[in-house]
Structure formats: structure tokens, C-alpha cells
Amino acid sequence: MVEPLCRVCGTDLETSQHLLFSCPKKLEPLFPDPDPVKPLHDIPIFILIDTILASVWRYHHAIVREDQAFEPRMVLAAVDLAITQVRAQLAEKKRQSEEREPPPPVELPLVDNSFPT
């Protein structure tokens, strides 16, 4: 039995390996930068990867269910929007955390009250 071609890239067979790891069109939004492991905007790498993968899979399912074309530029725009939302959520969480915690005590300089005699 011959497996069909990938509906996203149309060049390779649709195997589980290709589906998850090697479809070039799906990898394009994941790795637009030569150094994809560096943190982006202080977002933990696991949250960043989850955000990117969620966007890619959302578009993958749109192809399968609604016969839409897979456009890497649209996926990148969705990733940018999702990252912006994650950054806002992390900033809000940090702000709320800082509100709950009292500020650290301020150390005042010691004053020498002795007068020379």
C-alpha cells in the first residue's frame, strides 16, 4: 500500500515521521531563525515551543478539515500573535506576584552622630 503525499508540502509521503518531524513547510515557522533555542523576550523555551507548535497544529487541522492551504506566513503571523499574548500574560502574572509580595527592605546608611572633640 502506497501512502499518499503530504497535504501540506505535497513532496514527501505522509508518514508519522514526516507528519511530526520533517515536513519542510511545518518546520519553516518553527525555525525561521538560525538559532531557534535562544529564549525570546524572556519567555521560557518550553512555553515558546508550545506556543509555536499549537499554531502549526491549528493550521494543520485547518488543512485536513477545511481544505485550506498551508501558508507559512500566516502561521508565522499566528505565532507572533500568540507570543504577544504569552508575553502579556507573563507580564501580568509578574505584576500580580509583585503586588502580593512586600518590597524588599531598604537599607539606610548608618549615620555617624559623634562629633570630633
PDB file of N, CA and C in Angstrom:
ATOM      1  N   MET A   1       0.843  -1.187   0.000  1.00  0.00           N
ATOM      2  CA  MET A   1       0.000   0.000   0.000  1.00  0.00           C
ATOM      3  C   MET A   1       0.885   1.246   0.000  1.00  0.00           C
ATOM      4  N   VAL A   2       0.688   2.121  -0.933  1.00  0.00           N
ATOM      5  CA  VAL A   2       1.447   3.355  -1.028  1.00  0.00           C
ATOM      6  C   VAL A   2       0.716   4.443  -0.245  1.00  0.00           C
ATOM      7  N   GLU A   3       1.477   5.107   0.625  1.00  0.00           N
ATOM      8  CA  GLU A   3       0.871   6.181   1.397  1.00  0.00           C
ATOM      9  C   GLU A   3       0.759   7.432   0.536  1.00  0.00           C
ATOM     10  N   PRO A   4      -0.259   8.255   0.786  1.00  0.00           N
ATOM     11  CA  PRO A   4      -0.430   9.464  -0.018  1.00  0.00           C
ATOM     12  C   PRO A   4       0.638  10.507   0.314  1.00  0.00           C
ATOM     13  N   LEU A   5       0.760  11.447  -0.606  1.00  0.00           N
ATOM     14  CA  LEU A   5       1.687  12.552  -0.364  1.00  0.00           C
ATOM     15  C   LEU A   5       1.148  13.464   0.731  1.00  0.00           C
ATOM     16  N   CYS A   6       2.061  14.112   1.422  1.00  0.00           N
ATOM     17  CA  CYS A   6       1.707  15.072   2.467  1.00  0.00           C
ATOM     18  C   CYS A   6       0.831  16.171   1.870  1.00  0.00           C
ATOM     19  N   ARG A   7      -0.270  16.490   2.540  1.00  0.00           N
ATOM     20  CA  ARG A   7      -1.181  17.520   2.041  1.00  0.00           C
ATOM     21  C   ARG A   7      -0.664  18.919   2.305  1.00  0.00           C
ATOM     22  N   VAL A   8       0.375  19.019   3.126  1.00  0.00           N
ATOM     23  CA  VAL A   8       0.939  20.336   3.428  1.00  0.00           C
ATOM     24  C   VAL A   8       2.011  20.714   2.418  1.00  0.00           C
ATOM     25  N   CYS A   9       3.027  19.849   2.249  1.00  0.00           N
ATOM     26  CA  CYS A   9       4.123  20.183   1.336  1.00  0.00           C
ATOM     27  C   CYS A   9       3.955  19.557  -0.039  1.00  0.00           C
ATOM     28  N   GLY A  10       3.247  18.438  -0.118  1.00  0.00           N
ATOM     29  CA  GLY A  10       2.995  17.798  -1.392  1.00  0.00           C
ATOM     30  C   GLY A  10       4.194  17.124  -2.035  1.00  0.00           C
ATOM     31  N   THR A  11       5.307  17.006  -1.317  1.00  0.00           N
ATOM     32  CA  THR A  11       6.506  16.429  -1.922  1.00  0.00           C
ATOM     33  C   THR A  11       6.917  15.104  -1.303  1.00  0.00           C
ATOM     34  N   ASP A  12       6.588  14.870  -0.048  1.00  0.00           N
ATOM     35  CA  ASP A  12       7.000  13.645   0.634  1.00  0.00           C
ATOM     36  C   ASP A  12       5.783  12.823   1.029  1.00  0.00           C
ATOM     37  N   LEU A  13       6.030  11.560   1.300  1.00  0.00           N
ATOM     38  CA  LEU A  13       4.951  10.688   1.756  1.00  0.00           C
ATOM     39  C   LEU A  13       4.498  11.107   3.145  1.00  0.00           C
ATOM     40  N   GLU A  14       3.212  10.986   3.402  1.00  0.00           N
ATOM     41  CA  GLU A  14       2.637  11.356   4.692  1.00  0.00           C
ATOM     42  C   GLU A  14       2.822  10.217   5.685  1.00  0.00           C
ATOM     43  N   THR A  15       4.002  10.135   6.257  1.00  0.00           N
ATOM     44  CA  THR A  15       4.278   9.144   7.296  1.00  0.00           C
ATOM     45  C   THR A  15       4.190   9.840   8.646  1.00  0.00           C
ATOM     46  N   SER A  16       4.150   9.062   9.715  1.00  0.00           N
ATOM     47  CA  SER A  16       4.125   9.696  11.044  1.00  0.00           C
ATOM     48  C   SER A  16       5.416  10.482  11.284  1.00  0.00           C
ATOM     49  N   GLN A  17       6.535   9.980  10.803  1.00  0.00           N
ATOM     50  CA  GLN A  17       7.813  10.699  10.933  1.00  0.00           C
ATOM     51  C   GLN A  17       7.726  12.049  10.213  1.00  0.00           C
ATOM     52  N   HIS A  18       7.226  12.024   8.993  1.00  0.00           N
ATOM     53  CA  HIS A  18       7.116  13.261   8.215  1.00  0.00           C
ATOM     54  C   HIS A  18       6.125  14.218   8.874  1.00  0.00           C
ATOM     55  N   LEU A  19       4.990  13.683   9.296  1.00  0.00           N
ATOM     56  CA  LEU A  19       3.947  14.485   9.920  1.00  0.00           C
ATOM     57  C   LEU A  19       4.472  15.246  11.134  1.00  0.00           C
ATOM     58  N   LEU A  20       5.234  14.568  11.972  1.00  0.00           N
ATOM     59  CA  LEU A  20       5.667  15.173  13.230  1.00  0.00           C
ATOM     60  C   LEU A  20       7.005  15.900  13.164  1.00  0.00           C
ATOM     61  N   PHE A  21       7.925  15.450  12.285  1.00  0.00           N
ATOM     62  CA  PHE A  21       9.285  15.960  12.402  1.00  0.00           C
ATOM     63  C   PHE A  21       9.923  16.517  11.141  1.00  0.00           C
ATOM     64  N   SER A  22       9.475  16.146   9.959  1.00  0.00           N
ATOM     65  CA  SER A  22      10.288  16.518   8.809  1.00  0.00           C
ATOM     66  C   SER A  22       9.571  17.235   7.674  1.00  0.00           C
ATOM     67  N   CYS A  23       8.322  17.609   7.839  1.00  0.00           N
ATOM     68  CA  CYS A  23       7.652  18.354   6.780  1.00  0.00           C
ATOM     69  C   CYS A  23       8.297  19.742   6.686  1.00  0.00           C
ATOM     70  N   PRO A  24       8.914  20.069   5.550  1.00  0.00           N
ATOM     71  CA  PRO A  24       9.629  21.339   5.465  1.00  0.00           C
ATOM     72  C   PRO A  24       8.739  22.566   5.653  1.00  0.00           C
ATOM     73  N   LYS A  25       7.498  22.500   5.201  1.00  0.00           N
ATOM     74  CA  LYS A  25       6.617  23.657   5.378  1.00  0.00           C
ATOM     75  C   LYS A  25       6.225  23.843   6.842  1.00  0.00           C
ATOM     76  N   LYS A  26       6.104  22.740   7.584  1.00  0.00           N
ATOM     77  CA  LYS A  26       5.788  22.861   9.006  1.00  0.00           C
ATOM     78  C   LYS A  26       7.010  23.308   9.799  1.00  0.00           C
ATOM     79  N   LEU A  27       8.192  22.962   9.335  1.00  0.00           N
ATOM     80  CA  LEU A  27       9.410  23.366  10.043  1.00  0.00           C
ATOM     81  C   LEU A  27       9.749  24.832   9.816  1.00  0.00           C
ATOM     82  N   GLU A  28       9.323  25.387   8.694  1.00  0.00           N
ATOM     83  CA  GLU A  28       9.649  26.783   8.376  1.00  0.00           C
ATOM     84  C   GLU A  28       9.205  27.753   9.473  1.00  0.00           C
ATOM     85  N   PRO A  29       7.962  27.672   9.987  1.00  0.00           N
ATOM     86  CA  PRO A  29       7.584  28.582  11.073  1.00  0.00           C
ATOM     87  C   PRO A  29       8.308  28.277  12.384  1.00  0.00           C
ATOM     88  N   LEU A  30       8.712  27.023  12.563  1.00  0.00           N
ATOM     89  CA  LEU A  30       9.396  26.662  13.804  1.00  0.00           C
ATOM     90  C   LEU A  30      10.815  27.194  13.859  1.00  0.00           C
ATOM     91  N   PHE A  31      11.482  27.222  12.717  1.00  0.00           N
ATOM     92  CA  PHE A  31      12.895  27.578  12.708  1.00  0.00           C
ATOM     93  C   PHE A  31      13.209  28.692  11.720  1.00  0.00           C
ATOM     94  N   PRO A  32      12.574  29.873  11.860  1.00  0.00           N
ATOM     95  CA  PRO A  32      12.909  30.968  10.946  1.00  0.00           C
ATOM     96  C   PRO A  32      14.254  31.589  11.289  1.00  0.00           C
ATOM     97  N   ASP A  33      14.694  31.408  12.518  1.00  0.00           N
ATOM     98  CA  ASP A  33      15.947  31.986  12.993  1.00  0.00           C
ATOM     99  C   ASP A  33      17.008  30.891  12.996  1.00  0.00           C
ATOM    100  N   PRO A  34      18.259  31.215  12.646  1.00  0.00           N
ATOM    101  CA  PRO A  34      19.295  30.180  12.657  1.00  0.00           C
ATOM    102  C   PRO A  34      19.555  29.615  14.059  1.00  0.00           C
ATOM    103  N   ASP A  35      19.211  30.354  15.104  1.00  0.00           N
ATOM    104  CA  ASP A  35      19.421  29.881  16.468  1.00  0.00           C
ATOM    105  C   ASP A  35      18.071  29.798  17.184  1.00  0.00           C
ATOM    106  N   PRO A  36      17.295  28.721  16.937  1.00  0.00           N
ATOM    107  CA  PRO A  36      15.944  28.663  17.474  1.00  0.00           C
ATOM    108  C   PRO A  36      15.862  28.357  18.963  1.00  0.00           C
ATOM    109  N   VAL A  37      16.984  28.016  19.600  1.00  0.00           N
ATOM    110  CA  VAL A  37      16.932  27.609  21.005  1.00  0.00           C
ATOM    111  C   VAL A  37      17.047  28.799  21.954  1.00  0.00           C
ATOM    112  N   LYS A  38      17.546  29.934  21.475  1.00  0.00           N
ATOM    113  CA  LYS A  38      17.705  31.077  22.372  1.00  0.00           C
ATOM    114  C   LYS A  38      16.336  31.569  22.835  1.00  0.00           C
ATOM    115  N   PRO A  39      16.223  31.969  24.101  1.00  0.00           N
ATOM    116  CA  PRO A  39      14.938  32.482  24.598  1.00  0.00           C
ATOM    117  C   PRO A  39      14.531  33.734  23.829  1.00  0.00           C
ATOM    118  N   LEU A  40      13.246  33.928  23.709  1.00  0.00           N
ATOM    119  CA  LEU A  40      12.713  35.085  23.006  1.00  0.00           C
ATOM    120  C   LEU A  40      11.919  35.923  23.991  1.00  0.00           C
ATOM    121  N   HIS A  41      12.319  37.151  24.171  1.00  0.00           N
ATOM    122  CA  HIS A  41      11.612  38.078  25.059  1.00  0.00           C
ATOM    123  C   HIS A  41      11.450  37.491  26.464  1.00  0.00           C
ATOM    124  N   ASP A  42      12.457  36.773  26.936  1.00  0.00           N
ATOM    125  CA  ASP A  42      12.440  36.173  28.278  1.00  0.00           C
ATOM    126  C   ASP A  42      11.289  35.194  28.486  1.00  0.00           C
ATOM    127  N   ILE A  43      10.785  34.605  27.418  1.00  0.00           N
ATOM    128  CA  ILE A  43       9.758  33.568  27.528  1.00  0.00           C
ATOM    129  C   ILE A  43      10.487  32.243  27.699  1.00  0.00           C
ATOM    130  N   PRO A  44      10.140  31.462  28.717  1.00  0.00           N
ATOM    131  CA  PRO A  44      10.775  30.145  28.870  1.00  0.00           C
ATOM    132  C   PRO A  44      10.635  29.333  27.590  1.00  0.00           C
ATOM    133  N   ILE A  45      11.682  28.628  27.234  1.00  0.00           N
ATOM    134  CA  ILE A  45      11.743  27.932  25.955  1.00  0.00           C
ATOM    135  C   ILE A  45      10.607  26.922  25.785  1.00  0.00           C
ATOM    136  N   PHE A  46      10.205  26.236  26.851  1.00  0.00           N
ATOM    137  CA  PHE A  46       9.131  25.245  26.706  1.00  0.00           C
ATOM    138  C   PHE A  46       7.798  25.922  26.388  1.00  0.00           C
ATOM    139  N   ILE A  47       7.553  27.108  26.920  1.00  0.00           N
ATOM    140  CA  ILE A  47       6.325  27.840  26.602  1.00  0.00           C
ATOM    141  C   ILE A  47       6.392  28.351  25.160  1.00  0.00           C
ATOM    142  N   LEU A  48       7.557  28.796  24.765  1.00  0.00           N
ATOM    143  CA  LEU A  48       7.744  29.279  23.400  1.00  0.00           C
ATOM    144  C   LEU A  48       7.493  28.157  22.384  1.00  0.00           C
ATOM    145  N   ILE A  49       8.066  26.987  22.634  1.00  0.00           N
ATOM    146  CA  ILE A  49       7.884  25.851  21.728  1.00  0.00           C
ATOM    147  C   ILE A  49       6.419  25.420  21.704  1.00  0.00           C
ATOM    148  N   ASP A  50       5.779  25.360  22.875  1.00  0.00           N
ATOM    149  CA  ASP A  50       4.351  25.008  22.923  1.00  0.00           C
ATOM    150  C   ASP A  50       3.517  25.989  22.116  1.00  0.00           C
ATOM    151  N   THR A  51       3.822  27.263  22.228  1.00  0.00           N
ATOM    152  CA  THR A  51       3.073  28.289  21.509  1.00  0.00           C
ATOM    153  C   THR A  51       3.222  28.113  20.004  1.00  0.00           C
ATOM    154  N   ILE A  52       4.438  27.859  19.556  1.00  0.00           N
ATOM    155  CA  ILE A  52       4.692  27.669  18.130  1.00  0.00           C
ATOM    156  C   ILE A  52       3.999  26.410  17.626  1.00  0.00           C
ATOM    157  N   LEU A  53       4.153  25.309  18.362  1.00  0.00           N
ATOM    158  CA  LEU A  53       3.538  24.049  17.926  1.00  0.00           C
ATOM    159  C   LEU A  53       2.019  24.137  17.891  1.00  0.00           C
ATOM    160  N   ALA A  54       1.430  24.819  18.854  1.00  0.00           N
ATOM    161  CA  ALA A  54      -0.032  24.966  18.855  1.00  0.00           C
ATOM    162  C   ALA A  54      -0.499  25.693  17.598  1.00  0.00           C
ATOM    163  N   SER A  55       0.239  26.713  17.192  1.00  0.00           N
ATOM    164  CA  SER A  55      -0.133  27.441  15.969  1.00  0.00           C
ATOM    165  C   SER A  55       0.018  26.564  14.736  1.00  0.00           C
ATOM    166  N   VAL A  56       1.118  25.829  14.641  1.00  0.00           N
ATOM    167  CA  VAL A  56       1.339  24.955  13.488  1.00  0.00           C
ATOM    168  C   VAL A  56       0.248  23.896  13.409  1.00  0.00           C
ATOM    169  N   TRP A  57      -0.085  23.281  14.544  1.00  0.00           N
ATOM    170  CA  TRP A  57      -1.107  22.225  14.533  1.00  0.00           C
ATOM    171  C   TRP A  57      -2.485  22.782  14.227  1.00  0.00           C
ATOM    172  N   ARG A  58      -2.767  23.999  14.685  1.00  0.00           N
ATOM    173  CA  ARG A  58      -4.061  24.597  14.364  1.00  0.00           C
ATOM    174  C   ARG A  58      -4.204  24.732  12.854  1.00  0.00           C
ATOM    175  N   TYR A  59      -3.140  25.169  12.185  1.00  0.00           N
ATOM    176  CA  TYR A  59      -3.198  25.301  10.733  1.00  0.00           C
ATOM    177  C   TYR A  59      -3.181  23.938  10.039  1.00  0.00           C
ATOM    178  N   HIS A  60      -2.485  22.973  10.619  1.00  0.00           N
ATOM    179  CA  HIS A  60      -2.512  21.619  10.052  1.00  0.00           C
ATOM    180  C   HIS A  60      -3.945  21.084  10.034  1.00  0.00           C
ATOM    181  N   HIS A  61      -4.654  21.256  11.144  1.00  0.00           N
ATOM    182  CA  HIS A  61      -6.034  20.767  11.215  1.00  0.00           C
ATOM    183  C   HIS A  61      -6.950  21.547  10.278  1.00  0.00           C
ATOM    184  N   ALA A  62      -6.656  22.820  10.041  1.00  0.00           N
ATOM    185  CA  ALA A  62      -7.450  23.589   9.086  1.00  0.00           C
ATOM    186  C   ALA A  62      -7.289  23.012   7.681  1.00  0.00           C
ATOM    187  N   ILE A  63      -6.098  22.513   7.372  1.00  0.00           N
ATOM    188  CA  ILE A  63      -5.866  21.892   6.065  1.00  0.00           C
ATOM    189  C   ILE A  63      -6.690  20.614   5.957  1.00  0.00           C
ATOM    190  N   VAL A  64      -6.606  19.783   6.979  1.00  0.00           N
ATOM    191  CA  VAL A  64      -7.264  18.486   6.950  1.00  0.00           C
ATOM    192  C   VAL A  64      -8.784  18.633   6.948  1.00  0.00           C
ATOM    193  N   ARG A  65      -9.300  19.507   7.796  1.00  0.00           N
ATOM    194  CA  ARG A  65     -10.752  19.611   7.945  1.00  0.00           C
ATOM    195  C   ARG A  65     -11.413  20.545   6.945  1.00  0.00           C
ATOM    196  N   GLU A  66     -10.702  21.612   6.563  1.00  0.00           N
ATOM    197  CA  GLU A  66     -11.345  22.640   5.748  1.00  0.00           C
ATOM    198  C   GLU A  66     -10.674  22.843   4.398  1.00  0.00           C
ATOM    199  N   ASP A  67      -9.732  21.985   4.050  1.00  0.00           N
ATOM    200  CA  ASP A  67      -9.020  22.076   2.766  1.00  0.00           C
ATOM    201  C   ASP A  67      -8.407  23.454   2.519  1.00  0.00           C
ATOM    202  N   GLN A  68      -7.879  24.075   3.577  1.00  0.00           N
ATOM    203  CA  GLN A  68      -7.185  25.351   3.407  1.00  0.00           C
ATOM    204  C   GLN A  68      -5.740  25.098   3.007  1.00  0.00           C
ATOM    205  N   ALA A  69      -5.130  26.068   2.372  1.00  0.00           N
ATOM    206  CA  ALA A  69      -3.714  25.962   2.014  1.00  0.00           C
ATOM    207  C   ALA A  69      -2.862  26.265   3.238  1.00  0.00           C
ATOM    208  N   PHE A  70      -1.719  25.603   3.334  1.00  0.00           N
ATOM    209  CA  PHE A  70      -0.778  25.864   4.431  1.00  0.00           C
ATOM    210  C   PHE A  70       0.155  26.974   3.980  1.00  0.00           C
ATOM    211  N   GLU A  71      -0.003  28.144   4.566  1.00  0.00           N
ATOM    212  CA  GLU A  71       0.817  29.298   4.232  1.00  0.00           C
ATOM    213  C   GLU A  71       1.729  29.619   5.409  1.00  0.00           C
ATOM    214  N   PRO A  72       3.042  29.386   5.278  1.00  0.00           N
ATOM    215  CA  PRO A  72       3.955  29.667   6.392  1.00  0.00           C
ATOM    216  C   PRO A  72       3.864  31.096   6.913  1.00  0.00           C
ATOM    217  N   ARG A  73       3.603  32.073   6.034  1.00  0.00           N
ATOM    218  CA  ARG A  73       3.478  33.464   6.501  1.00  0.00           C
ATOM    219  C   ARG A  73       2.297  33.635   7.440  1.00  0.00           C
ATOM    220  N   MET A  74       1.198  32.955   7.160  1.00  0.00           N
ATOM    221  CA  MET A  74       0.034  33.042   8.044  1.00  0.00           C
ATOM    222  C   MET A  74       0.329  32.365   9.378  1.00  0.00           C
ATOM    223  N   VAL A  75       1.043  31.242   9.316  1.00  0.00           N
ATOM    224  CA  VAL A  75       1.409  30.549  10.557  1.00  0.00           C
ATOM    225  C   VAL A  75       2.331  31.446  11.384  1.00  0.00           C
ATOM    226  N   LEU A  76       3.294  32.091  10.730  1.00  0.00           N
ATOM    227  CA  LEU A  76       4.204  32.990  11.445  1.00  0.00           C
ATOM    228  C   LEU A  76       3.444  34.158  12.077  1.00  0.00           C
ATOM    229  N   ALA A  77       2.461  34.689  11.372  1.00  0.00           N
ATOM    230  CA  ALA A  77       1.652  35.767  11.941  1.00  0.00           C
ATOM    231  C   ALA A  77       0.881  35.270  13.165  1.00  0.00           C
ATOM    232  N   ALA A  78       0.349  34.052  13.082  1.00  0.00           N
ATOM    233  CA  ALA A  78      -0.363  33.471  14.226  1.00  0.00           C
ATOM    234  C   ALA A  78       0.590  33.231  15.389  1.00  0.00           C
ATOM    235  N   VAL A  79       1.807  32.789  15.077  1.00  0.00           N
ATOM    236  CA  VAL A  79       2.817  32.580  16.122  1.00  0.00           C
ATOM    237  C   VAL A  79       3.170  33.908  16.782  1.00  0.00           C
ATOM    238  N   ASP A  80       3.380  34.955  15.981  1.00  0.00           N
ATOM    239  CA  ASP A  80       3.684  36.281  16.541  1.00  0.00           C
ATOM    240  C   ASP A  80       2.582  36.756  17.471  1.00  0.00           C
ATOM    241  N   LEU A  81       1.335  36.585  17.056  1.00  0.00           N
ATOM    242  CA  LEU A  81       0.208  36.989  17.888  1.00  0.00           C
ATOM    243  C   LEU A  81       0.175  36.171  19.183  1.00  0.00           C
ATOM    244  N   ALA A  82       0.375  34.873  19.072  1.00  0.00           N
ATOM    245  CA  ALA A  82       0.356  34.008  20.259  1.00  0.00           C
ATOM    246  C   ALA A  82       1.484  34.376  21.220  1.00  0.00           C
ATOM    247  N   ILE A  83       2.669  34.687  20.686  1.00  0.00           N
ATOM    248  CA  ILE A  83       3.797  35.077  21.535  1.00  0.00           C
ATOM    249  C   ILE A  83       3.499  36.406  22.225  1.00  0.00           C
ATOM    250  N   THR A  84       2.880  37.327  21.512  1.00  0.00           N
ATOM    251  CA  THR A  84       2.492  38.604  22.120  1.00  0.00           C
ATOM    252  C   THR A  84       1.527  38.366  23.277  1.00  0.00           C
ATOM    253  N   GLN A  85       0.580  37.454  23.074  1.00  0.00           N
ATOM    254  CA  GLN A  85      -0.369  37.139  24.144  1.00  0.00           C
ATOM    255  C   GLN A  85       0.330  36.481  25.334  1.00  0.00           C
ATOM    256  N   VAL A  86       1.266  35.580  25.068  1.00  0.00           N
ATOM    257  CA  VAL A  86       2.007  34.918  26.146  1.00  0.00           C
ATOM    258  C   VAL A  86       2.820  35.952  26.927  1.00  0.00           C
ATOM    259  N   ARG A  87       3.474  36.858  26.212  1.00  0.00           N
ATOM    260  CA  ARG A  87       4.265  37.903  26.884  1.00  0.00           C
ATOM    261  C   ARG A  87       3.378  38.744  27.796  1.00  0.00           C
ATOM    262  N   ALA A  88       2.187  39.109  27.309  1.00  0.00           N
ATOM    263  CA  ALA A  88       1.268  39.909  28.116  1.00  0.00           C
ATOM    264  C   ALA A  88       0.812  39.121  29.348  1.00  0.00           C
ATOM    265  N   GLN A  89       0.534  37.829  29.170  1.00  0.00           N
ATOM    266  CA  GLN A  89       0.118  37.007  30.308  1.00  0.00           C
ATOM    267  C   GLN A  89       1.241  36.874  31.336  1.00  0.00           C
ATOM    268  N   LEU A  90       2.479  36.666  30.861  1.00  0.00           N
ATOM    269  CA  LEU A  90       3.602  36.554  31.788  1.00  0.00           C
ATOM    270  C   LEU A  90       3.860  37.871  32.514  1.00  0.00           C
ATOM    271  N   ALA A  91       3.733  38.990  31.813  1.00  0.00           N
ATOM    272  CA  ALA A  91       3.924  40.305  32.440  1.00  0.00           C
ATOM    273  C   ALA A  91       2.858  40.550  33.501  1.00  0.00           C
ATOM    274  N   GLU A  92       1.616  40.177  33.195  1.00  0.00           N
ATOM    275  CA  GLU A  92       0.533  40.343  34.166  1.00  0.00           C
ATOM    276  C   GLU A  92       0.752  39.444  35.381  1.00  0.00           C
ATOM    277  N   LYS A  93       1.178  38.225  35.150  1.00  0.00           N
ATOM    278  CA  LYS A  93       1.454  37.304  36.261  1.00  0.00           C
ATOM    279  C   LYS A  93       2.580  37.856  37.145  1.00  0.00           C
ATOM    280  N   LYS A  94       3.605  38.419  36.531  1.00  0.00           N
ATOM    281  CA  LYS A  94       4.712  39.004  37.292  1.00  0.00           C
ATOM    282  C   LYS A  94       4.227  40.208  38.092  1.00  0.00           C
ATOM    283  N   ARG A  95       3.403  41.052  37.465  1.00  0.00           N
ATOM    284  CA  ARG A  95       2.871  42.221  38.151  1.00  0.00           C
ATOM    285  C   ARG A  95       2.038  41.812  39.363  1.00  0.00           C
ATOM    286  N   GLN A  96       1.183  40.813  39.187  1.00  0.00           N
ATOM    287  CA  GLN A  96       0.355  40.345  40.295  1.00  0.00           C
ATOM    288  C   GLN A  96       1.206  39.748  41.401  1.00  0.00           C
ATOM    289  N   SER A  97       2.244  39.041  41.021  1.00  0.00           N
ATOM    290  CA  SER A  97       3.153  38.450  42.004  1.00  0.00           C
ATOM    291  C   SER A  97       3.854  39.535  42.808  1.00  0.00           C
ATOM    292  N   GLU A  98       4.274  40.591  42.124  1.00  0.00           N
ATOM    293  CA  GLU A  98       4.959  41.691  42.817  1.00  0.00           C
ATOM    294  C   GLU A  98       4.016  42.446  43.741  1.00  0.00           C
ATOM    295  N   GLU A  99       2.728  42.530  43.374  1.00  0.00           N
ATOM    296  CA  GLU A  99       1.744  43.183  44.237  1.00  0.00           C
ATOM    297  C   GLU A  99       1.542  42.413  45.535  1.00  0.00           C
ATOM    298  N   ARG A 100       1.586  41.098  45.459  1.00  0.00           N
ATOM    299  CA  ARG A 100       1.356  40.262  46.636  1.00  0.00           C
ATOM    300  C   ARG A 100       2.555  40.261  47.573  1.00  0.00           C
ATOM    301  N   GLU A 101       3.743  40.379  47.015  1.00  0.00           N
ATOM    302  CA  GLU A 101       4.954  40.338  47.837  1.00  0.00           C
ATOM    303  C   GLU A 101       5.319  41.742  48.283  1.00  0.00           C
ATOM    304  N   PRO A 102       5.655  41.896  49.571  1.00  0.00           N
ATOM    305  CA  PRO A 102       6.098  43.220  50.010  1.00  0.00           C
ATOM    306  C   PRO A 102       7.456  43.535  49.376  1.00  0.00           C
ATOM    307  N   PRO A 103       7.711  44.807  49.147  1.00  0.00           N
ATOM    308  CA  PRO A 103       9.010  45.156  48.563  1.00  0.00           C
ATOM    309  C   PRO A 103      10.132  44.827  49.538  1.00  0.00           C
ATOM    310  N   PRO A 104      11.313  44.566  49.027  1.00  0.00           N
ATOM    311  CA  PRO A 104      12.423  44.256  49.933  1.00  0.00           C
ATOM    312  C   PRO A 104      12.745  45.476  50.797  1.00  0.00           C
ATOM    313  N   PRO A 105      13.210  45.239  52.026  1.00  0.00           N
ATOM    314  CA  PRO A 105      13.525  46.368  52.896  1.00  0.00           C
ATOM    315  C   PRO A 105      14.675  47.199  52.317  1.00  0.00           C
ATOM    316  N   VAL A 106      14.565  48.488  52.526  1.00  0.00           N
ATOM    317  CA  VAL A 106      15.604  49.395  52.053  1.00  0.00           C
ATOM    318  C   VAL A 106      16.579  49.620  53.200  1.00  0.00           C
ATOM    319  N   GLU A 107      17.833  49.389  52.901  1.00  0.00           N
ATOM    320  CA  GLU A 107      18.844  49.615  53.933  1.00  0.00           C
ATOM    321  C   GLU A 107      19.256  51.075  53.909  1.00  0.00           C
ATOM    322  N   LEU A 108      19.125  51.717  55.066  1.00  0.00           N
ATOM    323  CA  LEU A 108      19.530  53.109  55.181  1.00  0.00           C
ATOM    324  C   LEU A 108      20.989  53.160  55.592  1.00  0.00           C
ATOM    325  N   PRO A 109      21.723  54.166  55.127  1.00  0.00           N
ATOM    326  CA  PRO A 109      23.122  54.264  55.532  1.00  0.00           C
ATOM    327  C   PRO A 109      23.218  54.621  57.017  1.00  0.00           C
ATOM    328  N   LEU A 110      24.218  54.105  57.640  1.00  0.00           N
ATOM    329  CA  LEU A 110      24.453  54.430  59.033  1.00  0.00           C
ATOM    330  C   LEU A 110      24.927  55.879  59.132  1.00  0.00           C
ATOM    331  N   VAL A 111      24.394  56.572  60.139  1.00  0.00           N
ATOM    332  CA  VAL A 111      24.772  57.967  60.349  1.00  0.00           C
ATOM    333  C   VAL A 111      25.704  58.017  61.557  1.00  0.00           C
ATOM    334  N   ASP A 112      26.797  58.671  61.371  1.00  0.00           N
ATOM    335  CA  ASP A 112      27.749  58.830  62.487  1.00  0.00           C
ATOM    336  C   ASP A 112      27.412  60.128  63.193  1.00  0.00           C
ATOM    337  N   ASN A 113      26.843  60.006  64.395  1.00  0.00           N
ATOM    338  CA  ASN A 113      26.432  61.185  65.160  1.00  0.00           C
ATOM    339  C   ASN A 113      27.511  61.678  66.109  1.00  0.00           C
ATOM    340  N   SER A 114      28.667  61.075  66.077  1.00  0.00           N
ATOM    341  CA  SER A 114      29.712  61.520  67.005  1.00  0.00           C
ATOM    342  C   SER A 114      30.362  62.783  66.448  1.00  0.00           C
ATOM    343  N   PHE A 115      30.625  63.693  67.364  1.00  0.00           N
ATOM    344  CA  PHE A 115      31.284  64.937  66.978  1.00  0.00           C
ATOM    345  C   PHE A 115      32.734  64.842  67.368  1.00  0.00           C
ATOM    346  N   PRO A 116      33.583  65.396  66.565  1.00  0.00           N
ATOM    347  CA  PRO A 116      35.009  65.370  66.953  1.00  0.00           C
ATOM    348  C   PRO A 116      35.218  66.286  68.169  1.00  0.00           C
ATOM    349  N   THR A 117      36.044  65.841  69.064  1.00  0.00           N
ATOM    350  CA  THR A 117      36.322  66.651  70.264  1.00  0.00           C
ATOM    351  C   THR A 117      37.740  67.109  70.287  1.00  0.00           C
TER     352      THR A 117
END
